[in-house]
Amino acid sequence: MIEDAQTIFDYLPISFRNQSEQEYITFLWETFTTNYEAKKYPFAFLAYHMLFMSFVYFEIWQIKENSKDDFEKAMIGFDKKMENELMSASTPFLLWRVKESSVFRFLKLIGLNNSDIGQFGIIVEERNNASHSNGKIYSSTQKDADKKIEEILRYIEKIQNHSARIVRACYEKFLLSSANPDNREYQQEDDQIRELLVYGNYLSIKDIQIACEQDISKLSENVHFPNIEKLHLKLQEMYSNE
């Protein structure tokens, strides 16, 4: 099951803005595998659930960065301080400040419904039960743990499928804003892609696959379309083995 569980990395960012974020994800994964192999399944579940929530935060970050108006509307009911903190956040992990029962509502912006949100909330409740000193041991068997892992992976795939349009919008915005080499952050295509597209949007392997398959022909009338093609080909070249 550890091999199956590892597929979560297809959905987590392929690289991070800073070392501490990478170390955090690595720590959670090592905590999961260590406890799973030691048959401490409740603690393995807790670590895996934290990886799931990290994935959720990265998905919401992409919404925030590429659909700001909708993101702001979804914050109705938050206090002004929280709104300001979220809009000025420099890392997706600041979303931990939002109650998990509330943070999932941002996923409605990509088409997930109340039933989906309710399912995500149930697994949060199960995590809470497992993490409290209530005298009970939850997900105590390998069968229980494997079932939770499979459930989380199904939820991740569902969220990823709904986020495809955000990824496409993000990629198109990147191509248009980076089309002119004289008016962008980095002259080299690979640097521009790595720093602005991949790091900036916390793109995963699954996200990059969506971008690589995107039809850019509708941008052909742009005066800088040859440069857009270069960027697109460079992205495919950089991640052809992923």
C-alpha atoms as a PDB file:
ATOM      1  CA  MET A   1       0.000   0.000   0.000  1.00  0.00           C
ATOM      2  CA  ILE A   2       2.909   2.375   0.570  1.00  0.00           C
ATOM      3  CA  GLU A   3       3.619   2.262  -3.166  1.00  0.00           C
ATOM      4  CA  ASP A   4      -0.013   3.137  -3.901  1.00  0.00           C
ATOM      5  CA  ALA A   5       0.026   5.856  -1.251  1.00  0.00           C
ATOM      6  CA  GLN A   6       3.075   7.383  -2.910  1.00  0.00           C
ATOM      7  CA  THR A   7       0.971   8.387  -5.909  1.00  0.00           C
ATOM      8  CA  ILE A   8      -0.048  11.411  -3.841  1.00  0.00           C
ATOM      9  CA  PHE A   9       3.230  12.971  -5.027  1.00  0.00           C
ATOM     10  CA  ASP A  10       1.824  13.127  -8.559  1.00  0.00           C
ATOM     11  CA  TYR A  11      -0.618  15.693  -7.166  1.00  0.00           C
ATOM     12  CA  LEU A  12       1.698  17.611  -4.844  1.00  0.00           C
ATOM     13  CA  PRO A  13       4.006  20.366  -6.134  1.00  0.00           C
ATOM     14  CA  ILE A  14       6.956  19.088  -8.114  1.00  0.00           C
ATOM     15  CA  SER A  15       9.139  21.738  -6.458  1.00  0.00           C
ATOM     16  CA  PHE A  16       8.808  24.439  -3.826  1.00  0.00           C
ATOM     17  CA  ARG A  17       9.656  28.076  -3.358  1.00  0.00           C
ATOM     18  CA  ASN A  18      11.789  27.414  -0.314  1.00  0.00           C
ATOM     19  CA  GLN A  19      13.547  24.541   1.418  1.00  0.00           C
ATOM     20  CA  SER A  20      11.361  24.585   4.531  1.00  0.00           C
ATOM     21  CA  GLU A  21       8.228  23.774   2.516  1.00  0.00           C
ATOM     22  CA  GLN A  22       9.976  20.839   0.861  1.00  0.00           C
ATOM     23  CA  GLU A  23      11.266  19.623   4.232  1.00  0.00           C
ATOM     24  CA  TYR A  24       7.769  19.787   5.688  1.00  0.00           C
ATOM     25  CA  ILE A  25       6.260  17.578   2.965  1.00  0.00           C
ATOM     26  CA  THR A  26       9.195  15.161   3.213  1.00  0.00           C
ATOM     27  CA  PHE A  27       8.759  15.010   6.988  1.00  0.00           C
ATOM     28  CA  LEU A  28       5.055  14.153   6.662  1.00  0.00           C
ATOM     29  CA  TRP A  29       5.787  11.400   4.143  1.00  0.00           C
ATOM     30  CA  GLU A  30       8.548   9.893   6.288  1.00  0.00           C
ATOM     31  CA  THR A  31       6.254  10.054   9.325  1.00  0.00           C
ATOM     32  CA  PHE A  32       3.589   8.206   7.354  1.00  0.00           C
ATOM     33  CA  THR A  33       5.908   5.450   6.080  1.00  0.00           C
ATOM     34  CA  THR A  34       7.671   4.978   9.429  1.00  0.00           C
ATOM     35  CA  ASN A  35       4.406   4.544  11.317  1.00  0.00           C
ATOM     36  CA  TYR A  36       2.818   2.404   8.613  1.00  0.00           C
ATOM     37  CA  GLU A  37       5.765   0.022   8.553  1.00  0.00           C
ATOM     38  CA  ALA A  38       5.737  -0.082  12.370  1.00  0.00           C
ATOM     39  CA  LYS A  39       2.003  -0.911  12.241  1.00  0.00           C
ATOM     40  CA  LYS A  40       1.172   2.309  14.081  1.00  0.00           C
ATOM     41  CA  TYR A  41      -1.661   2.883  11.648  1.00  0.00           C
ATOM     42  CA  PRO A  42      -3.515   5.698  13.482  1.00  0.00           C
ATOM     43  CA  PHE A  43      -0.388   7.885  13.332  1.00  0.00           C
ATOM     44  CA  ALA A  44       0.208   6.892   9.715  1.00  0.00           C
ATOM     45  CA  PHE A  45      -3.326   8.062   8.926  1.00  0.00           C
ATOM     46  CA  LEU A  46      -2.753  11.394  10.690  1.00  0.00           C
ATOM     47  CA  ALA A  47       0.387  12.073   8.652  1.00  0.00           C
ATOM     48  CA  TYR A  48      -1.285  11.087   5.390  1.00  0.00           C
ATOM     49  CA  HIS A  49      -4.253  13.284   6.168  1.00  0.00           C
ATOM     50  CA  MET A  50      -1.872  16.217   6.662  1.00  0.00           C
ATOM     51  CA  LEU A  51      -0.461  15.521   3.194  1.00  0.00           C
ATOM     52  CA  PHE A  52      -4.028  15.599   1.893  1.00  0.00           C
ATOM     53  CA  MET A  53      -4.692  18.958   3.549  1.00  0.00           C
ATOM     54  CA  SER A  54      -1.440  20.301   2.099  1.00  0.00           C
ATOM     55  CA  PHE A  55      -2.683  19.258  -1.344  1.00  0.00           C
ATOM     56  CA  VAL A  56      -5.976  21.080  -0.667  1.00  0.00           C
ATOM     57  CA  TYR A  57      -4.075  24.242   0.301  1.00  0.00           C
ATOM     58  CA  PHE A  58      -2.020  24.112  -2.902  1.00  0.00           C
ATOM     59  CA  GLU A  59      -5.197  23.744  -4.971  1.00  0.00           C
ATOM     60  CA  ILE A  60      -6.827  26.688  -3.213  1.00  0.00           C
ATOM     61  CA  TRP A  61      -3.656  28.719  -3.733  1.00  0.00           C
ATOM     62  CA  GLN A  62      -3.992  28.209  -7.487  1.00  0.00           C
ATOM     63  CA  ILE A  63      -7.558  29.503  -7.287  1.00  0.00           C
ATOM     64  CA  LYS A  64      -6.394  32.527  -5.304  1.00  0.00           C
ATOM     65  CA  GLU A  65      -3.612  33.348  -7.756  1.00  0.00           C
ATOM     66  CA  ASN A  66      -5.636  32.847 -10.932  1.00  0.00           C
ATOM     67  CA  SER A  67      -9.209  33.718  -9.969  1.00  0.00           C
ATOM     68  CA  LYS A  68      -8.831  36.467  -7.388  1.00  0.00           C
ATOM     69  CA  ASP A  69     -12.313  37.954  -7.803  1.00  0.00           C
ATOM     70  CA  ASP A  70     -13.996  34.619  -7.146  1.00  0.00           C
ATOM     71  CA  PHE A  71     -11.632  33.939  -4.251  1.00  0.00           C
ATOM     72  CA  GLU A  72     -12.552  37.246  -2.635  1.00  0.00           C
ATOM     73  CA  LYS A  73     -16.270  36.500  -2.992  1.00  0.00           C
ATOM     74  CA  ALA A  74     -15.754  33.133  -1.299  1.00  0.00           C
ATOM     75  CA  MET A  75     -14.346  34.925   1.753  1.00  0.00           C
ATOM     76  CA  ILE A  76     -17.705  36.519   2.569  1.00  0.00           C
ATOM     77  CA  GLY A  77     -18.250  35.975   6.271  1.00  0.00           C
ATOM     78  CA  PHE A  78     -14.554  36.027   7.167  1.00  0.00           C
ATOM     79  CA  ASP A  79     -13.398  38.861   9.411  1.00  0.00           C
ATOM     80  CA  LYS A  80     -11.474  41.637   7.683  1.00  0.00           C
ATOM     81  CA  LYS A  81      -8.155  40.696   9.276  1.00  0.00           C
ATOM     82  CA  MET A  82      -8.404  37.165   7.949  1.00  0.00           C
ATOM     83  CA  GLU A  83      -9.379  38.415   4.481  1.00  0.00           C
ATOM     84  CA  ASN A  84      -6.333  40.699   4.381  1.00  0.00           C
ATOM     85  CA  GLU A  85      -4.018  37.941   5.579  1.00  0.00           C
ATOM     86  CA  LEU A  86      -5.229  35.510   2.951  1.00  0.00           C
ATOM     87  CA  MET A  87      -5.058  37.997   0.086  1.00  0.00           C
ATOM     88  CA  SER A  88      -1.512  39.040   1.018  1.00  0.00           C
ATOM     89  CA  ALA A  89      -0.310  35.518   1.846  1.00  0.00           C
ATOM     90  CA  SER A  90       3.040  34.486   0.382  1.00  0.00           C
ATOM     91  CA  THR A  91       2.554  30.762   0.994  1.00  0.00           C
ATOM     92  CA  PRO A  92      -0.385  28.336   0.701  1.00  0.00           C
ATOM     93  CA  PHE A  93       0.325  27.086   4.199  1.00  0.00           C
ATOM     94  CA  LEU A  94      -1.203  30.243   5.671  1.00  0.00           C
ATOM     95  CA  LEU A  95      -4.544  28.634   4.834  1.00  0.00           C
ATOM     96  CA  TRP A  96      -4.154  26.543   7.981  1.00  0.00           C
ATOM     97  CA  ARG A  97      -5.515  29.607   9.769  1.00  0.00           C
ATOM     98  CA  VAL A  98      -8.928  28.939   8.207  1.00  0.00           C
ATOM     99  CA  LYS A  99     -11.023  26.277   9.895  1.00  0.00           C
ATOM    100  CA  GLU A 100     -10.935  23.116   7.832  1.00  0.00           C
ATOM    101  CA  SER A 101     -14.734  23.026   7.819  1.00  0.00           C
ATOM    102  CA  SER A 102     -14.622  26.417   6.077  1.00  0.00           C
ATOM    103  CA  VAL A 103     -11.557  26.068   3.871  1.00  0.00           C
ATOM    104  CA  PHE A 104     -13.189  23.392   1.708  1.00  0.00           C
ATOM    105  CA  ARG A 105     -15.807  25.864   0.523  1.00  0.00           C
ATOM    106  CA  PHE A 106     -13.184  27.469  -1.727  1.00  0.00           C
ATOM    107  CA  LEU A 107     -13.320  24.248  -3.749  1.00  0.00           C
ATOM    108  CA  LYS A 108     -16.854  25.130  -4.798  1.00  0.00           C
ATOM    109  CA  LEU A 109     -15.192  27.683  -7.057  1.00  0.00           C
ATOM    110  CA  ILE A 110     -13.934  24.843  -9.258  1.00  0.00           C
ATOM    111  CA  GLY A 111     -17.288  23.065  -9.388  1.00  0.00           C
ATOM    112  CA  LEU A 112     -17.279  20.732  -6.397  1.00  0.00           C
ATOM    113  CA  ASN A 113     -20.695  20.525  -4.757  1.00  0.00           C
ATOM    114  CA  ASN A 114     -22.008  20.390  -1.202  1.00  0.00           C
ATOM    115  CA  SER A 115     -22.008  16.596  -1.249  1.00  0.00           C
ATOM    116  CA  ASP A 116     -18.308  16.570  -2.122  1.00  0.00           C
ATOM    117  CA  ILE A 117     -17.529  19.134   0.569  1.00  0.00           C
ATOM    118  CA  GLY A 118     -19.471  17.053   3.056  1.00  0.00           C
ATOM    119  CA  GLN A 119     -17.375  13.983   2.246  1.00  0.00           C
ATOM    120  CA  PHE A 120     -14.159  15.915   2.757  1.00  0.00           C
ATOM    121  CA  GLY A 121     -15.517  17.166   6.077  1.00  0.00           C
ATOM    122  CA  ILE A 122     -16.229  13.626   7.293  1.00  0.00           C
ATOM    123  CA  ILE A 123     -12.621  12.564   6.878  1.00  0.00           C
ATOM    124  CA  VAL A 124     -11.550  15.671   8.799  1.00  0.00           C
ATOM    125  CA  GLU A 125     -13.852  14.611  11.640  1.00  0.00           C
ATOM    126  CA  GLU A 126     -12.293  11.157  11.565  1.00  0.00           C
ATOM    127  CA  ARG A 127      -8.833  12.716  11.727  1.00  0.00           C
ATOM    128  CA  ASN A 128      -9.936  14.843  14.686  1.00  0.00           C
ATOM    129  CA  ASN A 129     -11.272  11.785  16.493  1.00  0.00           C
ATOM    130  CA  ALA A 130      -7.983   9.979  15.928  1.00  0.00           C
ATOM    131  CA  SER A 131      -5.883  12.907  17.199  1.00  0.00           C
ATOM    132  CA  HIS A 132      -7.761  13.580  20.468  1.00  0.00           C
ATOM    133  CA  SER A 133      -7.043  11.919  23.817  1.00  0.00           C
ATOM    134  CA  ASN A 134     -10.418  10.208  23.962  1.00  0.00           C
ATOM    135  CA  GLY A 135      -9.327   6.745  25.018  1.00  0.00           C
ATOM    136  CA  LYS A 136     -10.091   5.212  21.613  1.00  0.00           C
ATOM    137  CA  ILE A 137      -7.831   3.965  18.827  1.00  0.00           C
ATOM    138  CA  TYR A 138      -9.121   4.709  15.330  1.00  0.00           C
ATOM    139  CA  SER A 139      -7.943   3.105  12.072  1.00  0.00           C
ATOM    140  CA  SER A 140      -6.028   0.597  14.168  1.00  0.00           C
ATOM    141  CA  THR A 141      -5.638  -2.106  11.522  1.00  0.00           C
ATOM    142  CA  GLN A 142      -3.852  -2.150   8.182  1.00  0.00           C
ATOM    143  CA  LYS A 143      -7.194  -2.748   6.485  1.00  0.00           C
ATOM    144  CA  ASP A 144      -8.621   0.394   8.127  1.00  0.00           C
ATOM    145  CA  ALA A 145      -5.574   2.471   7.188  1.00  0.00           C
ATOM    146  CA  ASP A 146      -5.547   1.224   3.594  1.00  0.00           C
ATOM    147  CA  LYS A 147      -9.222   2.084   3.246  1.00  0.00           C
ATOM    148  CA  LYS A 148      -8.552   5.653   4.440  1.00  0.00           C
ATOM    149  CA  ILE A 149      -5.624   6.042   2.057  1.00  0.00           C
ATOM    150  CA  GLU A 150      -7.726   4.860  -0.878  1.00  0.00           C
ATOM    151  CA  GLU A 151     -10.481   7.257   0.153  1.00  0.00           C
ATOM    152  CA  ILE A 152      -8.109  10.201   0.342  1.00  0.00           C
ATOM    153  CA  LEU A 153      -6.638   9.372  -3.073  1.00  0.00           C
ATOM    154  CA  ARG A 154     -10.145   9.281  -4.580  1.00  0.00           C
ATOM    155  CA  TYR A 155     -10.865  12.712  -3.129  1.00  0.00           C
ATOM    156  CA  ILE A 156      -7.569  14.040  -4.451  1.00  0.00           C
ATOM    157  CA  GLU A 157      -8.294  12.773  -7.952  1.00  0.00           C
ATOM    158  CA  LYS A 158     -11.771  14.315  -7.871  1.00  0.00           C
ATOM    159  CA  ILE A 159     -10.382  17.699  -6.811  1.00  0.00           C
ATOM    160  CA  GLN A 160      -7.632  17.496  -9.426  1.00  0.00           C
ATOM    161  CA  ASN A 161     -10.117  16.755 -12.199  1.00  0.00           C
ATOM    162  CA  HIS A 162     -12.172  19.795 -11.237  1.00  0.00           C
ATOM    163  CA  SER A 163      -9.102  22.036 -11.040  1.00  0.00           C
ATOM    164  CA  ALA A 164      -8.081  21.453 -14.668  1.00  0.00           C
ATOM    165  CA  ARG A 165      -9.729  24.662 -15.889  1.00  0.00           C
ATOM    166  CA  ILE A 166      -7.797  26.693 -13.293  1.00  0.00           C
ATOM    167  CA  VAL A 167      -4.552  25.108 -14.463  1.00  0.00           C
ATOM    168  CA  ARG A 168      -5.382  25.916 -18.094  1.00  0.00           C
ATOM    169  CA  ALA A 169      -6.245  29.510 -17.214  1.00  0.00           C
ATOM    170  CA  CYS A 170      -3.062  29.793 -15.172  1.00  0.00           C
ATOM    171  CA  TYR A 171      -0.953  28.472 -18.045  1.00  0.00           C
ATOM    172  CA  GLU A 172      -2.548  30.741 -20.633  1.00  0.00           C
ATOM    173  CA  LYS A 173      -2.005  33.755 -18.395  1.00  0.00           C
ATOM    174  CA  PHE A 174       1.619  32.739 -17.965  1.00  0.00           C
ATOM    175  CA  LEU A 175       2.179  32.338 -21.720  1.00  0.00           C
ATOM    176  CA  LEU A 176       0.679  35.732 -22.506  1.00  0.00           C
ATOM    177  CA  SER A 177       2.534  37.568 -19.758  1.00  0.00           C
ATOM    178  CA  SER A 178       5.841  35.874 -20.653  1.00  0.00           C
ATOM    179  CA  ALA A 179       5.578  36.091 -24.437  1.00  0.00           C
ATOM    180  CA  ASN A 180       7.835  39.119 -24.814  1.00  0.00           C
ATOM    181  CA  PRO A 181      11.404  38.211 -23.722  1.00  0.00           C
ATOM    182  CA  ASP A 182      12.222  41.908 -23.367  1.00  0.00           C
ATOM    183  CA  ASN A 183       9.440  42.428 -20.870  1.00  0.00           C
ATOM    184  CA  ARG A 184       9.582  39.456 -18.516  1.00  0.00           C
ATOM    185  CA  GLU A 185      11.462  38.423 -15.394  1.00  0.00           C
ATOM    186  CA  TYR A 186      13.911  35.956 -17.014  1.00  0.00           C
ATOM    187  CA  GLN A 187      15.336  35.897 -20.515  1.00  0.00           C
ATOM    188  CA  GLN A 188      15.779  32.122 -20.627  1.00  0.00           C
ATOM    189  CA  GLU A 189      12.607  30.119 -21.193  1.00  0.00           C
ATOM    190  CA  ASP A 190      13.493  27.438 -18.626  1.00  0.00           C
ATOM    191  CA  ASP A 191      14.116  30.012 -15.883  1.00  0.00           C
ATOM    192  CA  GLN A 192      10.860  31.809 -16.636  1.00  0.00           C
ATOM    193  CA  ILE A 193       8.934  28.536 -16.571  1.00  0.00           C
ATOM    194  CA  ARG A 194      10.550  27.231 -13.401  1.00  0.00           C
ATOM    195  CA  GLU A 195      10.303  30.406 -11.336  1.00  0.00           C
ATOM    196  CA  LEU A 196       7.054  31.969 -12.514  1.00  0.00           C
ATOM    197  CA  LEU A 197       4.914  29.059 -13.638  1.00  0.00           C
ATOM    198  CA  VAL A 198       6.007  26.044 -11.600  1.00  0.00           C
ATOM    199  CA  TYR A 199       7.243  27.606  -8.362  1.00  0.00           C
ATOM    200  CA  GLY A 200       4.766  30.479  -8.423  1.00  0.00           C
ATOM    201  CA  ASN A 201       1.725  28.244  -8.841  1.00  0.00           C
ATOM    202  CA  TYR A 202       2.973  25.189  -6.936  1.00  0.00           C
ATOM    203  CA  LEU A 203       2.327  23.010  -9.966  1.00  0.00           C
ATOM    204  CA  SER A 204       2.250  19.240  -9.643  1.00  0.00           C
ATOM    205  CA  ILE A 205       3.134  16.600 -12.224  1.00  0.00           C
ATOM    206  CA  LYS A 206      -0.587  16.280 -12.967  1.00  0.00           C
ATOM    207  CA  ASP A 207      -0.855  20.050 -13.454  1.00  0.00           C
ATOM    208  CA  ILE A 208       2.138  20.131 -15.781  1.00  0.00           C
ATOM    209  CA  GLN A 209       0.657  17.313 -17.835  1.00  0.00           C
ATOM    210  CA  ILE A 210      -2.476  19.418 -18.335  1.00  0.00           C
ATOM    211  CA  ALA A 211      -0.376  22.394 -19.416  1.00  0.00           C
ATOM    212  CA  CYS A 212       1.755  20.313 -21.796  1.00  0.00           C
ATOM    213  CA  GLU A 213      -1.368  19.000 -23.514  1.00  0.00           C
ATOM    214  CA  GLN A 214      -2.957  22.427 -23.837  1.00  0.00           C
ATOM    215  CA  ASP A 215      -3.895  23.622 -27.313  1.00  0.00           C
ATOM    216  CA  ILE A 216      -2.126  26.958 -27.730  1.00  0.00           C
ATOM    217  CA  SER A 217      -3.305  27.547 -31.313  1.00  0.00           C
ATOM    218  CA  LYS A 218      -5.971  29.985 -30.131  1.00  0.00           C
ATOM    219  CA  LEU A 219      -3.126  32.324 -29.175  1.00  0.00           C
ATOM    220  CA  SER A 220      -1.738  32.272 -32.717  1.00  0.00           C
ATOM    221  CA  GLU A 221      -2.847  35.822 -33.483  1.00  0.00           C
ATOM    222  CA  ASN A 222      -0.671  37.180 -30.694  1.00  0.00           C
ATOM    223  CA  VAL A 223       2.247  39.144 -32.130  1.00  0.00           C
ATOM    224  CA  HIS A 224       4.607  37.148 -29.888  1.00  0.00           C
ATOM    225  CA  PHE A 225       3.193  33.741 -30.783  1.00  0.00           C
ATOM    226  CA  PRO A 226       6.597  32.331 -31.896  1.00  0.00           C
ATOM    227  CA  ASN A 227       7.862  33.014 -28.372  1.00  0.00           C
ATOM    228  CA  ILE A 228       4.721  31.434 -26.908  1.00  0.00           C
ATOM    229  CA  GLU A 229       5.478  28.309 -28.940  1.00  0.00           C
ATOM    230  CA  LYS A 230       9.050  28.301 -27.627  1.00  0.00           C
ATOM    231  CA  LEU A 231       7.811  28.449 -24.052  1.00  0.00           C
ATOM    232  CA  HIS A 232       5.340  25.651 -24.671  1.00  0.00           C
ATOM    233  CA  LEU A 233       7.949  23.427 -26.294  1.00  0.00           C
ATOM    234  CA  LYS A 234      10.429  24.185 -23.526  1.00  0.00           C
ATOM    235  CA  LEU A 235       7.883  23.144 -20.878  1.00  0.00           C
ATOM    236  CA  GLN A 236       7.325  19.846 -22.697  1.00  0.00           C
ATOM    237  CA  GLU A 237      11.078  19.330 -22.966  1.00  0.00           C
ATOM    238  CA  MET A 238      11.757  20.121 -19.304  1.00  0.00           C
ATOM    239  CA  TYR A 239       9.177  17.687 -17.951  1.00  0.00           C
ATOM    240  CA  SER A 240       9.085  15.027 -20.651  1.00  0.00           C
ATOM    241  CA  ASN A 241      10.270  12.355 -18.226  1.00  0.00           C
ATOM    242  CA  GLU A 242       7.830  13.153 -15.443  1.00  0.00           C
END
